[in-house]
Amino acid sequence: MFSSLSDTGLIAVAAVVVVFVLYLALKTPPNQVLARIGFALIVGGALGNVIDRTVYGHVIDYILFHTPIWSFAIFNLADVFISVGAAAVVLDEFLSWRRQPRP
């Protein structure tokens, strides 16, 4: 998706995303625990990928689910944190909509 960006550009994009997610986390009410955990996972995963990119020049992916008839994308633990965190934030939003009183 961002293949035309250099490593510095990718690090800058990740930094902007981390700052934005931290802003959202600070604006989230303390009673929305699932969303706050989700934001923490997203920030942790993004920082993990940034560390890989700054130290190695690329992100190291090391998890591959593969069978003789099926193969899934290769990814790393930071990617899992980002995906699970995003799912937690979305789930918390749906749950908070259901908790709101109806007129």
C-alpha atoms as a PDB file:
ATOM      1  CA  MET A   1       0.000   0.000   0.000  1.00  0.00           C
ATOM      2  CA  PHE A   2       2.820   2.410   0.842  1.00  0.00           C
ATOM      3  CA  SER A   3       5.457   0.762  -1.344  1.00  0.00           C
ATOM      4  CA  SER A   4       6.495   4.094  -2.861  1.00  0.00           C
ATOM      5  CA  LEU A   5       7.498   5.513   0.549  1.00  0.00           C
ATOM      6  CA  SER A   6      11.005   5.217   1.906  1.00  0.00           C
ATOM      7  CA  ASP A   7      11.720   3.751   5.337  1.00  0.00           C
ATOM      8  CA  THR A   8      11.741   7.273   6.761  1.00  0.00           C
ATOM      9  CA  GLY A   9       8.344   7.950   5.205  1.00  0.00           C
ATOM     10  CA  LEU A  10       6.921   4.734   6.632  1.00  0.00           C
ATOM     11  CA  ILE A  11       8.270   5.589  10.075  1.00  0.00           C
ATOM     12  CA  ALA A  12       6.685   9.045   9.797  1.00  0.00           C
ATOM     13  CA  VAL A  13       3.318   7.559   8.806  1.00  0.00           C
ATOM     14  CA  ALA A  14       3.502   5.127  11.735  1.00  0.00           C
ATOM     15  CA  ALA A  15       4.368   7.980  14.107  1.00  0.00           C
ATOM     16  CA  VAL A  16       1.351   9.973  12.920  1.00  0.00           C
ATOM     17  CA  VAL A  17      -0.885   6.929  13.421  1.00  0.00           C
ATOM     18  CA  VAL A  18       0.504   6.353  16.937  1.00  0.00           C
ATOM     19  CA  VAL A  19      -0.109   9.999  17.876  1.00  0.00           C
ATOM     20  CA  PHE A  20      -3.663   9.834  16.503  1.00  0.00           C
ATOM     21  CA  VAL A  21      -4.454   6.591  18.351  1.00  0.00           C
ATOM     22  CA  LEU A  22      -3.033   8.049  21.568  1.00  0.00           C
ATOM     23  CA  TYR A  23      -5.288  11.086  21.078  1.00  0.00           C
ATOM     24  CA  LEU A  24      -8.307   8.778  20.645  1.00  0.00           C
ATOM     25  CA  ALA A  25      -7.285   6.806  23.737  1.00  0.00           C
ATOM     26  CA  LEU A  26      -7.086   9.982  25.813  1.00  0.00           C
ATOM     27  CA  LYS A  27     -10.539  11.071  24.609  1.00  0.00           C
ATOM     28  CA  THR A  28     -12.069   7.673  25.440  1.00  0.00           C
ATOM     29  CA  PRO A  29     -13.991   7.598  28.734  1.00  0.00           C
ATOM     30  CA  PRO A  30     -12.384   5.489  31.484  1.00  0.00           C
ATOM     31  CA  ASN A  31     -15.387   3.140  31.616  1.00  0.00           C
ATOM     32  CA  GLN A  32     -14.696   1.930  28.058  1.00  0.00           C
ATOM     33  CA  VAL A  33     -12.008  -0.506  29.179  1.00  0.00           C
ATOM     34  CA  LEU A  34     -12.126  -2.707  26.083  1.00  0.00           C
ATOM     35  CA  ALA A  35     -11.488   0.263  23.774  1.00  0.00           C
ATOM     36  CA  ARG A  36      -8.611   1.476  25.944  1.00  0.00           C
ATOM     37  CA  ILE A  37      -7.031  -1.990  25.856  1.00  0.00           C
ATOM     38  CA  GLY A  38      -7.542  -2.020  22.086  1.00  0.00           C
ATOM     39  CA  PHE A  39      -5.806   1.329  21.705  1.00  0.00           C
ATOM     40  CA  ALA A  40      -2.901   0.074  23.824  1.00  0.00           C
ATOM     41  CA  LEU A  41      -2.558  -3.010  21.602  1.00  0.00           C
ATOM     42  CA  ILE A  42      -2.623  -0.866  18.452  1.00  0.00           C
ATOM     43  CA  VAL A  43       0.055   1.484  19.787  1.00  0.00           C
ATOM     44  CA  GLY A  44       2.191  -1.431  20.998  1.00  0.00           C
ATOM     45  CA  GLY A  45       1.960  -3.205  17.658  1.00  0.00           C
ATOM     46  CA  ALA A  46       2.713  -0.049  15.692  1.00  0.00           C
ATOM     47  CA  LEU A  47       5.727   0.715  17.881  1.00  0.00           C
ATOM     48  CA  GLY A  48       6.944  -2.869  17.478  1.00  0.00           C
ATOM     49  CA  ASN A  49       6.833  -2.529  13.701  1.00  0.00           C
ATOM     50  CA  VAL A  50       8.553   0.891  13.885  1.00  0.00           C
ATOM     51  CA  ILE A  51      11.346  -0.594  16.000  1.00  0.00           C
ATOM     52  CA  ASP A  52      11.830  -3.399  13.455  1.00  0.00           C
ATOM     53  CA  ARG A  53      11.894  -0.892  10.604  1.00  0.00           C
ATOM     54  CA  THR A  54      14.431   1.396  12.304  1.00  0.00           C
ATOM     55  CA  VAL A  55      16.731  -1.409  13.492  1.00  0.00           C
ATOM     56  CA  TYR A  56      16.569  -3.780  10.507  1.00  0.00           C
ATOM     57  CA  GLY A  57      15.321  -1.515   7.715  1.00  0.00           C
ATOM     58  CA  HIS A  58      12.211  -3.666   7.279  1.00  0.00           C
ATOM     59  CA  VAL A  59       9.584  -5.432   9.352  1.00  0.00           C
ATOM     60  CA  ILE A  60      10.390  -9.048  10.136  1.00  0.00           C
ATOM     61  CA  ASP A  61       7.407 -11.354   9.618  1.00  0.00           C
ATOM     62  CA  TYR A  62       7.777 -14.821  11.082  1.00  0.00           C
ATOM     63  CA  ILE A  63       4.340 -16.434  11.487  1.00  0.00           C
ATOM     64  CA  LEU A  64       2.984 -18.436   8.545  1.00  0.00           C
ATOM     65  CA  PHE A  65       0.007 -20.769   8.585  1.00  0.00           C
ATOM     66  CA  HIS A  66       0.546 -23.211   5.752  1.00  0.00           C
ATOM     67  CA  THR A  67      -0.931 -26.561   4.789  1.00  0.00           C
ATOM     68  CA  PRO A  68      -0.482 -28.504   1.559  1.00  0.00           C
ATOM     69  CA  ILE A  69      -3.739 -27.069   0.185  1.00  0.00           C
ATOM     70  CA  TRP A  70      -3.947 -23.663   1.906  1.00  0.00           C
ATOM     71  CA  SER A  71      -1.568 -20.892   2.858  1.00  0.00           C
ATOM     72  CA  PHE A  72      -2.318 -17.744   4.854  1.00  0.00           C
ATOM     73  CA  ALA A  73      -0.435 -14.452   4.743  1.00  0.00           C
ATOM     74  CA  ILE A  74       2.802 -14.209   6.682  1.00  0.00           C
ATOM     75  CA  PHE A  75       2.756 -11.775   9.613  1.00  0.00           C
ATOM     76  CA  ASN A  76       4.295 -11.031  13.020  1.00  0.00           C
ATOM     77  CA  LEU A  77       3.087 -10.567  16.578  1.00  0.00           C
ATOM     78  CA  ALA A  78       2.909  -6.779  16.192  1.00  0.00           C
ATOM     79  CA  ASP A  79       0.451  -7.255  13.314  1.00  0.00           C
ATOM     80  CA  VAL A  80      -1.648  -9.508  15.553  1.00  0.00           C
ATOM     81  CA  PHE A  81      -1.683  -6.825  18.270  1.00  0.00           C
ATOM     82  CA  ILE A  82      -2.824  -4.193  15.755  1.00  0.00           C
ATOM     83  CA  SER A  83      -5.593  -6.422  14.366  1.00  0.00           C
ATOM     84  CA  VAL A  84      -6.847  -7.612  17.761  1.00  0.00           C
ATOM     85  CA  GLY A  85      -6.694  -4.051  19.101  1.00  0.00           C
ATOM     86  CA  ALA A  86      -8.716  -2.695  16.189  1.00  0.00           C
ATOM     87  CA  ALA A  87     -11.287  -5.476  16.649  1.00  0.00           C
ATOM     88  CA  ALA A  88     -11.517  -4.644  20.378  1.00  0.00           C
ATOM     89  CA  VAL A  89     -12.130  -0.965  19.632  1.00  0.00           C
ATOM     90  CA  VAL A  90     -14.846  -1.787  17.084  1.00  0.00           C
ATOM     91  CA  LEU A  91     -16.460  -4.314  19.450  1.00  0.00           C
ATOM     92  CA  ASP A  92     -16.452  -1.759  22.275  1.00  0.00           C
ATOM     93  CA  GLU A  93     -18.134   0.783  20.000  1.00  0.00           C
ATOM     94  CA  PHE A  94     -20.899  -1.683  19.146  1.00  0.00           C
ATOM     95  CA  LEU A  95     -21.355  -2.564  22.812  1.00  0.00           C
ATOM     96  CA  SER A  96     -21.500   1.099  23.824  1.00  0.00           C
ATOM     97  CA  TRP A  97     -24.189   1.748  21.203  1.00  0.00           C
ATOM     98  CA  ARG A  98     -26.254  -1.052  22.707  1.00  0.00           C
ATOM     99  CA  ARG A  99     -25.775   0.315  26.239  1.00  0.00           C
ATOM    100  CA  GLN A 100     -27.083   3.763  25.305  1.00  0.00           C
ATOM    101  CA  PRO A 101     -30.667   4.386  26.396  1.00  0.00           C
ATOM    102  CA  ARG A 102     -33.189   4.467  23.577  1.00  0.00           C
ATOM    103  CA  PRO A 103     -35.572   7.424  23.296  1.00  0.00           C
END
